[in-house]
Amino acid sequence: MDWSWSEMLWVALISICLVFVVLVLLVWIMKFFGNIFVHRQAAAHADKPATQGQLHEEEIAAITTALKLYKSDLHDRESEVLTILSIKRAYSPWSSKIHGLTQMPFRK
């Protein structure tokens, strides 16, 4: 079957459009299901009363901040400055490539 250039361009155009339409449909479907789950979760939390002894987010943040401050006072203050000294050495057996190479065998 011989295809002309116009037929090949139409096939390419239709396939590209089809891919974009399917991608847009997938985004809409995912947003739809996301909204359903958000509304279902909000309805479930609205029906459930707050129990005694349950901590709120502000209380948890205050407790963790107090613990962080307490733990930081236990340790000594350090300068938090990292100093790296660079020493230039021309030769080191650790970086020598001679030891990693195999000797060529002697041929007769």
PDB file of N, CA and C in Angstrom:
ATOM      1  N   MET A   1       0.854  -1.171   0.000  1.00  0.00           N
ATOM      2  CA  MET A   1       0.000   0.000   0.000  1.00  0.00           C
ATOM      3  C   MET A   1       0.901   1.235   0.000  1.00  0.00           C
ATOM      4  N   ASP A   2       0.746   2.083  -0.939  1.00  0.00           N
ATOM      5  CA  ASP A   2       1.514   3.311  -1.039  1.00  0.00           C
ATOM      6  C   ASP A   2       0.738   4.449  -0.394  1.00  0.00           C
ATOM      7  N   TRP A   3       1.379   5.105   0.517  1.00  0.00           N
ATOM      8  CA  TRP A   3       0.754   6.225   1.218  1.00  0.00           C
ATOM      9  C   TRP A   3       1.332   7.520   0.657  1.00  0.00           C
ATOM     10  N   SER A   4       0.483   8.478   0.452  1.00  0.00           N
ATOM     11  CA  SER A   4       0.976   9.776   0.005  1.00  0.00           C
ATOM     12  C   SER A   4       1.308  10.621   1.237  1.00  0.00           C
ATOM     13  N   TRP A   5       1.997  11.736   0.996  1.00  0.00           N
ATOM     14  CA  TRP A   5       2.395  12.600   2.112  1.00  0.00           C
ATOM     15  C   TRP A   5       1.186  13.173   2.829  1.00  0.00           C
ATOM     16  N   SER A   6       0.151  13.496   2.117  1.00  0.00           N
ATOM     17  CA  SER A   6      -1.034  14.074   2.772  1.00  0.00           C
ATOM     18  C   SER A   6      -1.694  13.054   3.701  1.00  0.00           C
ATOM     19  N   GLU A   7      -1.733  11.797   3.292  1.00  0.00           N
ATOM     20  CA  GLU A   7      -2.318  10.763   4.155  1.00  0.00           C
ATOM     21  C   GLU A   7      -1.469  10.542   5.404  1.00  0.00           C
ATOM     22  N   MET A   8      -0.156  10.554   5.250  1.00  0.00           N
ATOM     23  CA  MET A   8       0.727  10.375   6.410  1.00  0.00           C
ATOM     24  C   MET A   8       0.610  11.543   7.379  1.00  0.00           C
ATOM     25  N   LEU A   9       0.491  12.765   6.857  1.00  0.00           N
ATOM     26  CA  LEU A   9       0.328  13.922   7.734  1.00  0.00           C
ATOM     27  C   LEU A   9      -0.996  13.879   8.482  1.00  0.00           C
ATOM     28  N   TRP A  10      -2.068  13.443   7.814  1.00  0.00           N
ATOM     29  CA  TRP A  10      -3.363  13.325   8.507  1.00  0.00           C
ATOM     30  C   TRP A  10      -3.301  12.279   9.620  1.00  0.00           C
ATOM     31  N   VAL A  11      -2.645  11.155   9.354  1.00  0.00           N
ATOM     32  CA  VAL A  11      -2.520  10.113  10.379  1.00  0.00           C
ATOM     33  C   VAL A  11      -1.723  10.631  11.563  1.00  0.00           C
ATOM     34  N   ALA A  12      -0.627  11.354  11.301  1.00  0.00           N
ATOM     35  CA  ALA A  12       0.186  11.907  12.387  1.00  0.00           C
ATOM     36  C   ALA A  12      -0.600  12.944  13.180  1.00  0.00           C
ATOM     37  N   LEU A  13      -1.329  13.819  12.499  1.00  0.00           N
ATOM     38  CA  LEU A  13      -2.115  14.844  13.177  1.00  0.00           C
ATOM     39  C   LEU A  13      -3.219  14.240  14.041  1.00  0.00           C
ATOM     40  N   ILE A  14      -3.901  13.255  13.507  1.00  0.00           N
ATOM     41  CA  ILE A  14      -4.974  12.600  14.274  1.00  0.00           C
ATOM     42  C   ILE A  14      -4.400  11.876  15.491  1.00  0.00           C
ATOM     43  N   SER A  15      -3.263  11.211  15.343  1.00  0.00           N
ATOM     44  CA  SER A  15      -2.689  10.479  16.477  1.00  0.00           C
ATOM     45  C   SER A  15      -2.200  11.441  17.564  1.00  0.00           C
ATOM     46  N   ILE A  16      -1.602  12.562  17.177  1.00  0.00           N
ATOM     47  CA  ILE A  16      -1.161  13.538  18.176  1.00  0.00           C
ATOM     48  C   ILE A  16      -2.358  14.131  18.912  1.00  0.00           C
ATOM     49  N   CYS A  17      -3.401  14.479  18.179  1.00  0.00           N
ATOM     50  CA  CYS A  17      -4.609  15.023  18.819  1.00  0.00           C
ATOM     51  C   CYS A  17      -5.242  13.996  19.753  1.00  0.00           C
ATOM     52  N   LEU A  18      -5.260  12.745  19.339  1.00  0.00           N
ATOM     53  CA  LEU A  18      -5.838  11.696  20.178  1.00  0.00           C
ATOM     54  C   LEU A  18      -5.074  11.543  21.487  1.00  0.00           C
ATOM     55  N   VAL A  19      -3.756  11.626  21.434  1.00  0.00           N
ATOM     56  CA  VAL A  19      -2.945  11.522  22.652  1.00  0.00           C
ATOM     57  C   VAL A  19      -3.263  12.672  23.596  1.00  0.00           C
ATOM     58  N   PHE A  20      -3.346  13.900  23.092  1.00  0.00           N
ATOM     59  CA  PHE A  20      -3.649  15.036  23.958  1.00  0.00           C
ATOM     60  C   PHE A  20      -5.055  14.960  24.538  1.00  0.00           C
ATOM     61  N   VAL A  21      -6.023  14.501  23.763  1.00  0.00           N
ATOM     62  CA  VAL A  21      -7.386  14.364  24.276  1.00  0.00           C
ATOM     63  C   VAL A  21      -7.434  13.331  25.394  1.00  0.00           C
ATOM     64  N   VAL A  22      -6.735  12.221  25.218  1.00  0.00           N
ATOM     65  CA  VAL A  22      -6.723  11.186  26.264  1.00  0.00           C
ATOM     66  C   VAL A  22      -6.037  11.716  27.519  1.00  0.00           C
ATOM     67  N   LEU A  23      -4.965  12.478  27.371  1.00  0.00           N
ATOM     68  CA  LEU A  23      -4.295  13.053  28.540  1.00  0.00           C
ATOM     69  C   LEU A  23      -5.210  14.028  29.287  1.00  0.00           C
ATOM     70  N   VAL A  24      -5.928  14.858  28.568  1.00  0.00           N
ATOM     71  CA  VAL A  24      -6.859  15.796  29.211  1.00  0.00           C
ATOM     72  C   VAL A  24      -7.969  15.036  29.922  1.00  0.00           C
ATOM     73  N   LEU A  25      -8.481  13.995  29.301  1.00  0.00           N
ATOM     74  CA  LEU A  25      -9.522  13.178  29.959  1.00  0.00           C
ATOM     75  C   LEU A  25      -8.993  12.528  31.235  1.00  0.00           C
ATOM     76  N   LEU A  26      -7.757  12.041  31.202  1.00  0.00           N
ATOM     77  CA  LEU A  26      -7.182  11.441  32.407  1.00  0.00           C
ATOM     78  C   LEU A  26      -7.036  12.464  33.526  1.00  0.00           C
ATOM     79  N   VAL A  27      -6.637  13.678  33.195  1.00  0.00           N
ATOM     80  CA  VAL A  27      -6.523  14.722  34.213  1.00  0.00           C
ATOM     81  C   VAL A  27      -7.884  15.025  34.812  1.00  0.00           C
ATOM     82  N   TRP A  28      -8.906  15.135  33.978  1.00  0.00           N
ATOM     83  CA  TRP A  28     -10.258  15.399  34.501  1.00  0.00           C
ATOM     84  C   TRP A  28     -10.754  14.261  35.389  1.00  0.00           C
ATOM     85  N   ILE A  29     -10.493  13.033  34.992  1.00  0.00           N
ATOM     86  CA  ILE A  29     -10.932  11.880  35.799  1.00  0.00           C
ATOM     87  C   ILE A  29     -10.212  11.877  37.144  1.00  0.00           C
ATOM     88  N   MET A  30      -8.916  12.166  37.141  1.00  0.00           N
ATOM     89  CA  MET A  30      -8.175  12.182  38.402  1.00  0.00           C
ATOM     90  C   MET A  30      -8.649  13.308  39.314  1.00  0.00           C
ATOM     91  N   LYS A  31      -8.948  14.478  38.752  1.00  0.00           N
ATOM     92  CA  LYS A  31      -9.482  15.573  39.565  1.00  0.00           C
ATOM     93  C   LYS A  31     -10.857  15.219  40.122  1.00  0.00           C
ATOM     94  N   PHE A  32     -11.679  14.561  39.322  1.00  0.00           N
ATOM     95  CA  PHE A  32     -13.009  14.157  39.774  1.00  0.00           C
ATOM     96  C   PHE A  32     -12.916  13.207  40.963  1.00  0.00           C
ATOM     97  N   PHE A  33     -12.062  12.177  40.848  1.00  0.00           N
ATOM     98  CA  PHE A  33     -11.908  11.234  41.956  1.00  0.00           C
ATOM     99  C   PHE A  33     -11.262  11.898  43.170  1.00  0.00           C
ATOM    100  N   GLY A  34     -10.337  12.836  42.953  1.00  0.00           N
ATOM    101  CA  GLY A  34      -9.745  13.567  44.063  1.00  0.00           C
ATOM    102  C   GLY A  34     -10.781  14.363  44.829  1.00  0.00           C
ATOM    103  N   ASN A  35     -11.673  15.033  44.112  1.00  0.00           N
ATOM    104  CA  ASN A  35     -12.746  15.793  44.778  1.00  0.00           C
ATOM    105  C   ASN A  35     -13.680  14.873  45.543  1.00  0.00           C
ATOM    106  N   ILE A  36     -13.992  13.733  44.977  1.00  0.00           N
ATOM    107  CA  ILE A  36     -14.867  12.776  45.673  1.00  0.00           C
ATOM    108  C   ILE A  36     -14.226  12.331  46.984  1.00  0.00           C
ATOM    109  N   PHE A  37     -12.946  11.975  46.946  1.00  0.00           N
ATOM    110  CA  PHE A  37     -12.272  11.504  48.159  1.00  0.00           C
ATOM    111  C   PHE A  37     -12.118  12.610  49.191  1.00  0.00           C
ATOM    112  N   VAL A  38     -11.867  13.850  48.759  1.00  0.00           N
ATOM    113  CA  VAL A  38     -11.745  14.967  49.696  1.00  0.00           C
ATOM    114  C   VAL A  38     -13.080  15.214  50.395  1.00  0.00           C
ATOM    115  N   HIS A  39     -14.169  15.211  49.627  1.00  0.00           N
ATOM    116  CA  HIS A  39     -15.484  15.434  50.240  1.00  0.00           C
ATOM    117  C   HIS A  39     -15.871  14.286  51.168  1.00  0.00           C
ATOM    118  N   ARG A  40     -15.527  13.066  50.783  1.00  0.00           N
ATOM    119  CA  ARG A  40     -15.841  11.909  51.620  1.00  0.00           C
ATOM    120  C   ARG A  40     -15.039  11.962  52.931  1.00  0.00           C
ATOM    121  N   GLN A  41     -13.768  12.367  52.840  1.00  0.00           N
ATOM    122  CA  GLN A  41     -12.932  12.457  54.037  1.00  0.00           C
ATOM    123  C   GLN A  41     -13.407  13.595  54.940  1.00  0.00           C
ATOM    124  N   ALA A  42     -13.797  14.720  54.353  1.00  0.00           N
ATOM    125  CA  ALA A  42     -14.297  15.845  55.152  1.00  0.00           C
ATOM    126  C   ALA A  42     -15.595  15.467  55.855  1.00  0.00           C
ATOM    127  N   ALA A  43     -16.455  14.724  55.185  1.00  0.00           N
ATOM    128  CA  ALA A  43     -17.710  14.299  55.800  1.00  0.00           C
ATOM    129  C   ALA A  43     -17.442  13.311  56.930  1.00  0.00           C
ATOM    130  N   ALA A  44     -16.463  12.448  56.767  1.00  0.00           N
ATOM    131  CA  ALA A  44     -16.145  11.475  57.817  1.00  0.00           C
ATOM    132  C   ALA A  44     -15.567  12.174  59.036  1.00  0.00           C
ATOM    133  N   HIS A  45     -14.764  13.224  58.853  1.00  0.00           N
ATOM    134  CA  HIS A  45     -14.184  13.933  59.991  1.00  0.00           C
ATOM    135  C   HIS A  45     -15.203  14.867  60.652  1.00  0.00           C
ATOM    136  N   ALA A  46     -16.191  15.308  59.913  1.00  0.00           N
ATOM    137  CA  ALA A  46     -17.198  16.191  60.497  1.00  0.00           C
ATOM    138  C   ALA A  46     -18.121  15.412  61.432  1.00  0.00           C
ATOM    139  N   ASP A  47     -18.397  14.158  61.107  1.00  0.00           N
ATOM    140  CA  ASP A  47     -19.269  13.333  61.936  1.00  0.00           C
ATOM    141  C   ASP A  47     -18.570  12.856  63.198  1.00  0.00           C
ATOM    142  N   LYS A  48     -17.261  12.781  63.185  1.00  0.00           N
ATOM    143  CA  LYS A  48     -16.494  12.217  64.294  1.00  0.00           C
ATOM    144  C   LYS A  48     -16.158  13.319  65.302  1.00  0.00           C
ATOM    145  N   PRO A  49     -16.623  13.208  66.535  1.00  0.00           N
ATOM    146  CA  PRO A  49     -16.296  14.235  67.530  1.00  0.00           C
ATOM    147  C   PRO A  49     -14.855  14.089  68.019  1.00  0.00           C
ATOM    148  N   ALA A  50     -14.302  15.195  68.502  1.00  0.00           N
ATOM    149  CA  ALA A  50     -12.931  15.167  69.033  1.00  0.00           C
ATOM    150  C   ALA A  50     -12.915  14.377  70.337  1.00  0.00           C
ATOM    151  N   THR A  51     -11.969  13.474  70.458  1.00  0.00           N
ATOM    152  CA  THR A  51     -11.893  12.642  71.651  1.00  0.00           C
ATOM    153  C   THR A  51     -11.071  13.337  72.724  1.00  0.00           C
ATOM    154  N   GLN A  52     -11.272  12.915  73.958  1.00  0.00           N
ATOM    155  CA  GLN A  52     -10.541  13.456  75.086  1.00  0.00           C
ATOM    156  C   GLN A  52      -9.107  12.962  75.024  1.00  0.00           C
ATOM    157  N   GLY A  53      -8.142  13.841  75.208  1.00  0.00           N
ATOM    158  CA  GLY A  53      -6.743  13.451  75.223  1.00  0.00           C
ATOM    159  C   GLY A  53      -6.076  13.512  73.860  1.00  0.00           C
ATOM    160  N   GLN A  54      -6.803  13.938  72.853  1.00  0.00           N
ATOM    161  CA  GLN A  54      -6.206  14.049  71.526  1.00  0.00           C
ATOM    162  C   GLN A  54      -5.495  15.393  71.414  1.00  0.00           C
ATOM    163  N   LEU A  55      -4.247  15.377  70.937  1.00  0.00           N
ATOM    164  CA  LEU A  55      -3.460  16.587  70.830  1.00  0.00           C
ATOM    165  C   LEU A  55      -3.750  17.291  69.504  1.00  0.00           C
ATOM    166  N   HIS A  56      -3.774  18.606  69.559  1.00  0.00           N
ATOM    167  CA  HIS A  56      -3.941  19.401  68.352  1.00  0.00           C
ATOM    168  C   HIS A  56      -2.575  19.722  67.777  1.00  0.00           C
ATOM    169  N   GLU A  57      -2.561  20.220  66.544  1.00  0.00           N
ATOM    170  CA  GLU A  57      -1.298  20.476  65.859  1.00  0.00           C
ATOM    171  C   GLU A  57      -0.471  21.542  66.574  1.00  0.00           C
ATOM    172  N   GLU A  58      -1.118  22.551  67.137  1.00  0.00           N
ATOM    173  CA  GLU A  58      -0.383  23.611  67.834  1.00  0.00           C
ATOM    174  C   GLU A  58       0.301  23.067  69.085  1.00  0.00           C
ATOM    175  N   GLU A  59      -0.367  22.170  69.794  1.00  0.00           N
ATOM    176  CA  GLU A  59       0.221  21.577  70.990  1.00  0.00           C
ATOM    177  C   GLU A  59       1.429  20.706  70.629  1.00  0.00           C
ATOM    178  N   ILE A  60       1.317  19.955  69.536  1.00  0.00           N
ATOM    179  CA  ILE A  60       2.432  19.116  69.103  1.00  0.00           C
ATOM    180  C   ILE A  60       3.619  19.988  68.707  1.00  0.00           C
ATOM    181  N   ALA A  61       3.366  21.109  68.008  1.00  0.00           N
ATOM    182  CA  ALA A  61       4.444  22.012  67.609  1.00  0.00           C
ATOM    183  C   ALA A  61       5.114  22.638  68.829  1.00  0.00           C
ATOM    184  N   ALA A  62       4.345  23.002  69.838  1.00  0.00           N
ATOM    185  CA  ALA A  62       4.916  23.593  71.044  1.00  0.00           C
ATOM    186  C   ALA A  62       5.777  22.580  71.799  1.00  0.00           C
ATOM    187  N   ILE A  63       5.326  21.338  71.875  1.00  0.00           N
ATOM    188  CA  ILE A  63       6.090  20.296  72.579  1.00  0.00           C
ATOM    189  C   ILE A  63       7.396  20.017  71.853  1.00  0.00           C
ATOM    190  N   THR A  64       7.353  19.896  70.528  1.00  0.00           N
ATOM    191  CA  THR A  64       8.584  19.610  69.795  1.00  0.00           C
ATOM    192  C   THR A  64       9.559  20.780  69.856  1.00  0.00           C
ATOM    193  N   THR A  65       9.051  22.011  69.849  1.00  0.00           N
ATOM    194  CA  THR A  65       9.944  23.165  69.982  1.00  0.00           C
ATOM    195  C   THR A  65      10.603  23.189  71.350  1.00  0.00           C
ATOM    196  N   ALA A  66       9.843  22.885  72.393  1.00  0.00           N
ATOM    197  CA  ALA A  66      10.411  22.856  73.738  1.00  0.00           C
ATOM    198  C   ALA A  66      11.467  21.760  73.869  1.00  0.00           C
ATOM    199  N   LEU A  67      11.201  20.595  73.289  1.00  0.00           N
ATOM    200  CA  LEU A  67      12.186  19.513  73.337  1.00  0.00           C
ATOM    201  C   LEU A  67      13.450  19.870  72.566  1.00  0.00           C
ATOM    202  N   LYS A  68      13.317  20.518  71.425  1.00  0.00           N
ATOM    203  CA  LYS A  68      14.486  20.942  70.633  1.00  0.00           C
ATOM    204  C   LYS A  68      15.326  21.941  71.411  1.00  0.00           C
ATOM    205  N   LEU A  69      14.679  22.921  72.054  1.00  0.00           N
ATOM    206  CA  LEU A  69      15.418  23.905  72.838  1.00  0.00           C
ATOM    207  C   LEU A  69      16.102  23.259  74.032  1.00  0.00           C
ATOM    208  N   TYR A  70      15.435  22.311  74.685  1.00  0.00           N
ATOM    209  CA  TYR A  70      16.017  21.617  75.827  1.00  0.00           C
ATOM    210  C   TYR A  70      17.233  20.803  75.403  1.00  0.00           C
ATOM    211  N   LYS A  71      17.105  20.071  74.282  1.00  0.00           N
ATOM    212  CA  LYS A  71      18.216  19.245  73.807  1.00  0.00           C
ATOM    213  C   LYS A  71      19.395  20.108  73.345  1.00  0.00           C
ATOM    214  N   SER A  72      19.123  21.274  72.750  1.00  0.00           N
ATOM    215  CA  SER A  72      20.225  22.114  72.285  1.00  0.00           C
ATOM    216  C   SER A  72      20.982  22.733  73.452  1.00  0.00           C
ATOM    217  N   ASP A  73      20.331  22.939  74.608  1.00  0.00           N
ATOM    218  CA  ASP A  73      21.015  23.469  75.782  1.00  0.00           C
ATOM    219  C   ASP A  73      21.900  22.421  76.453  1.00  0.00           C
ATOM    220  N   LEU A  74      21.651  21.141  76.202  1.00  0.00           N
ATOM    221  CA  LEU A  74      22.453  20.087  76.812  1.00  0.00           C
ATOM    222  C   LEU A  74      23.855  20.018  76.198  1.00  0.00           C
ATOM    223  N   HIS A  75      23.992  20.364  74.958  1.00  0.00           N
ATOM    224  CA  HIS A  75      25.281  20.246  74.269  1.00  0.00           C
ATOM    225  C   HIS A  75      26.000  21.585  74.263  1.00  0.00           C
ATOM    226  N   ASP A  76      27.328  21.504  74.099  1.00  0.00           N
ATOM    227  CA  ASP A  76      28.135  22.715  74.012  1.00  0.00           C
ATOM    228  C   ASP A  76      27.886  23.406  72.678  1.00  0.00           C
ATOM    229  N   ARG A  77      28.036  24.692  72.689  1.00  0.00           N
ATOM    230  CA  ARG A  77      27.924  25.452  71.450  1.00  0.00           C
ATOM    231  C   ARG A  77      29.214  25.290  70.660  1.00  0.00           C
ATOM    232  N   GLU A  78      29.082  24.978  69.413  1.00  0.00           N
ATOM    233  CA  GLU A  78      30.235  24.851  68.550  1.00  0.00           C
ATOM    234  C   GLU A  78      30.150  25.911  67.468  1.00  0.00           C
ATOM    235  N   SER A  79      31.275  26.187  66.869  1.00  0.00           N
ATOM    236  CA  SER A  79      31.318  27.284  65.901  1.00  0.00           C
ATOM    237  C   SER A  79      30.620  26.939  64.595  1.00  0.00           C
ATOM    238  N   GLU A  80      30.434  25.682  64.316  1.00  0.00           N
ATOM    239  CA  GLU A  80      29.800  25.205  63.093  1.00  0.00           C
ATOM    240  C   GLU A  80      30.534  25.689  61.850  1.00  0.00           C
ATOM    241  N   VAL A  81      31.834  25.877  61.976  1.00  0.00           N
ATOM    242  CA  VAL A  81      32.663  26.271  60.848  1.00  0.00           C
ATOM    243  C   VAL A  81      33.541  25.086  60.503  1.00  0.00           C
ATOM    244  N   LEU A  82      33.495  24.686  59.264  1.00  0.00           N
ATOM    245  CA  LEU A  82      34.271  23.547  58.801  1.00  0.00           C
ATOM    246  C   LEU A  82      35.497  24.059  58.058  1.00  0.00           C
ATOM    247  N   THR A  83      36.666  23.635  58.503  1.00  0.00           N
ATOM    248  CA  THR A  83      37.905  24.065  57.881  1.00  0.00           C
ATOM    249  C   THR A  83      38.549  22.863  57.209  1.00  0.00           C
ATOM    250  N   ILE A  84      38.820  22.992  55.927  1.00  0.00           N
ATOM    251  CA  ILE A  84      39.464  21.915  55.184  1.00  0.00           C
ATOM    252  C   ILE A  84      40.811  22.428  54.711  1.00  0.00           C
ATOM    253  N   LEU A  85      41.861  21.757  55.142  1.00  0.00           N
ATOM    254  CA  LEU A  85      43.200  22.126  54.721  1.00  0.00           C
ATOM    255  C   LEU A  85      43.600  21.250  53.543  1.00  0.00           C
ATOM    256  N   SER A  86      44.053  21.882  52.508  1.00  0.00           N
ATOM    257  CA  SER A  86      44.469  21.151  51.327  1.00  0.00           C
ATOM    258  C   SER A  86      45.982  21.055  51.311  1.00  0.00           C
ATOM    259  N   ILE A  87      46.486  19.829  51.241  1.00  0.00           N
ATOM    260  CA  ILE A  87      47.921  19.598  51.211  1.00  0.00           C
ATOM    261  C   ILE A  87      48.253  19.002  49.853  1.00  0.00           C
ATOM    262  N   LYS A  88      49.134  19.672  49.127  1.00  0.00           N
ATOM    263  CA  LYS A  88      49.518  19.208  47.795  1.00  0.00           C
ATOM    264  C   LYS A  88      50.750  18.319  47.915  1.00  0.00           C
ATOM    265  N   ARG A  89      50.613  17.109  47.501  1.00  0.00           N
ATOM    266  CA  ARG A  89      51.722  16.175  47.456  1.00  0.00           C
ATOM    267  C   ARG A  89      51.844  15.664  46.034  1.00  0.00           C
ATOM    268  N   ALA A  90      53.045  15.630  45.542  1.00  0.00           N
ATOM    269  CA  ALA A  90      53.253  15.222  44.155  1.00  0.00           C
ATOM    270  C   ALA A  90      53.040  13.720  43.984  1.00  0.00           C
ATOM    271  N   TYR A  91      53.486  12.932  44.938  1.00  0.00           N
ATOM    272  CA  TYR A  91      53.404  11.490  44.781  1.00  0.00           C
ATOM    273  C   TYR A  91      52.796  10.865  46.024  1.00  0.00           C
ATOM    274  N   SER A  92      51.891   9.952  45.816  1.00  0.00           N
ATOM    275  CA  SER A  92      51.317   9.176  46.900  1.00  0.00           C
ATOM    276  C   SER A  92      51.084   7.772  46.378  1.00  0.00           C
ATOM    277  N   PRO A  93      51.455   6.752  47.150  1.00  0.00           N
ATOM    278  CA  PRO A  93      51.223   5.390  46.656  1.00  0.00           C
ATOM    279  C   PRO A  93      49.741   5.067  46.508  1.00  0.00           C
ATOM    280  N   TRP A  94      48.882   5.804  47.188  1.00  0.00           N
ATOM    281  CA  TRP A  94      47.457   5.555  47.077  1.00  0.00           C
ATOM    282  C   TRP A  94      46.903   6.023  45.734  1.00  0.00           C
ATOM    283  N   SER A  95      47.479   7.072  45.186  1.00  0.00           N
ATOM    284  CA  SER A  95      46.986   7.587  43.915  1.00  0.00           C
ATOM    285  C   SER A  95      47.868   7.177  42.736  1.00  0.00           C
ATOM    286  N   SER A  96      48.822   6.318  42.958  1.00  0.00           N
ATOM    287  CA  SER A  96      49.737   5.912  41.905  1.00  0.00           C
ATOM    288  C   SER A  96      49.052   4.928  40.971  1.00  0.00           C
ATOM    289  N   LYS A  97      49.151   5.197  39.703  1.00  0.00           N
ATOM    290  CA  LYS A  97      48.532   4.315  38.711  1.00  0.00           C
ATOM    291  C   LYS A  97      49.458   3.158  38.330  1.00  0.00           C
ATOM    292  N   ILE A  98      50.703   3.245  38.707  1.00  0.00           N
ATOM    293  CA  ILE A  98      51.666   2.205  38.347  1.00  0.00           C
ATOM    294  C   ILE A  98      51.300   0.881  39.007  1.00  0.00           C
ATOM    295  N   HIS A  99      50.850   0.943  40.264  1.00  0.00           N
ATOM    296  CA  HIS A  99      50.549  -0.279  41.003  1.00  0.00           C
ATOM    297  C   HIS A  99      49.282  -0.953  40.494  1.00  0.00           C
ATOM    298  N   GLY A 100      48.412  -0.209  39.837  1.00  0.00           N
ATOM    299  CA  GLY A 100      47.168  -0.797  39.343  1.00  0.00           C
ATOM    300  C   GLY A 100      47.295  -1.421  37.977  1.00  0.00           C
ATOM    301  N   LEU A 101      48.380  -1.152  37.263  1.00  0.00           N
ATOM    302  CA  LEU A 101      48.542  -1.695  35.921  1.00  0.00           C
ATOM    303  C   LEU A 101      49.264  -3.028  35.974  1.00  0.00           C
ATOM    304  N   THR A 102      48.886  -3.924  35.101  1.00  0.00           N
ATOM    305  CA  THR A 102      49.575  -5.202  35.020  1.00  0.00           C
ATOM    306  C   THR A 102      50.744  -5.091  34.053  1.00  0.00           C
ATOM    307  N   GLN A 103      51.782  -5.816  34.360  1.00  0.00           N
ATOM    308  CA  GLN A 103      52.967  -5.815  33.513  1.00  0.00           C
ATOM    309  C   GLN A 103      52.665  -6.560  32.225  1.00  0.00           C
ATOM    310  N   MET A 104      53.241  -6.102  31.139  1.00  0.00           N
ATOM    311  CA  MET A 104      53.108  -6.791  29.861  1.00  0.00           C
ATOM    312  C   MET A 104      53.923  -8.081  29.917  1.00  0.00           C
ATOM    313  N   PRO A 105      53.394  -9.182  29.468  1.00  0.00           N
ATOM    314  CA  PRO A 105      54.152 -10.433  29.483  1.00  0.00           C
ATOM    315  C   PRO A 105      55.297 -10.393  28.463  1.00  0.00           C
ATOM    316  N   PHE A 106      56.356 -11.093  28.816  1.00  0.00           N
ATOM    317  CA  PHE A 106      57.524 -11.171  27.935  1.00  0.00           C
ATOM    318  C   PHE A 106      57.251 -12.166  26.829  1.00  0.00           C
ATOM    319  N   ARG A 107      57.407 -11.729  25.579  1.00  0.00           N
ATOM    320  CA  ARG A 107      57.161 -12.631  24.456  1.00  0.00           C
ATOM    321  C   ARG A 107      58.479 -12.962  23.756  1.00  0.00           C
ATOM    322  N   LYS A 108      58.591 -14.187  23.375  1.00  0.00           N
ATOM    323  CA  LYS A 108      59.824 -14.629  22.691  1.00  0.00           C
ATOM    324  C   LYS A 108      59.679 -14.526  21.205  1.00  0.00           C
TER     325      LYS A 108
END
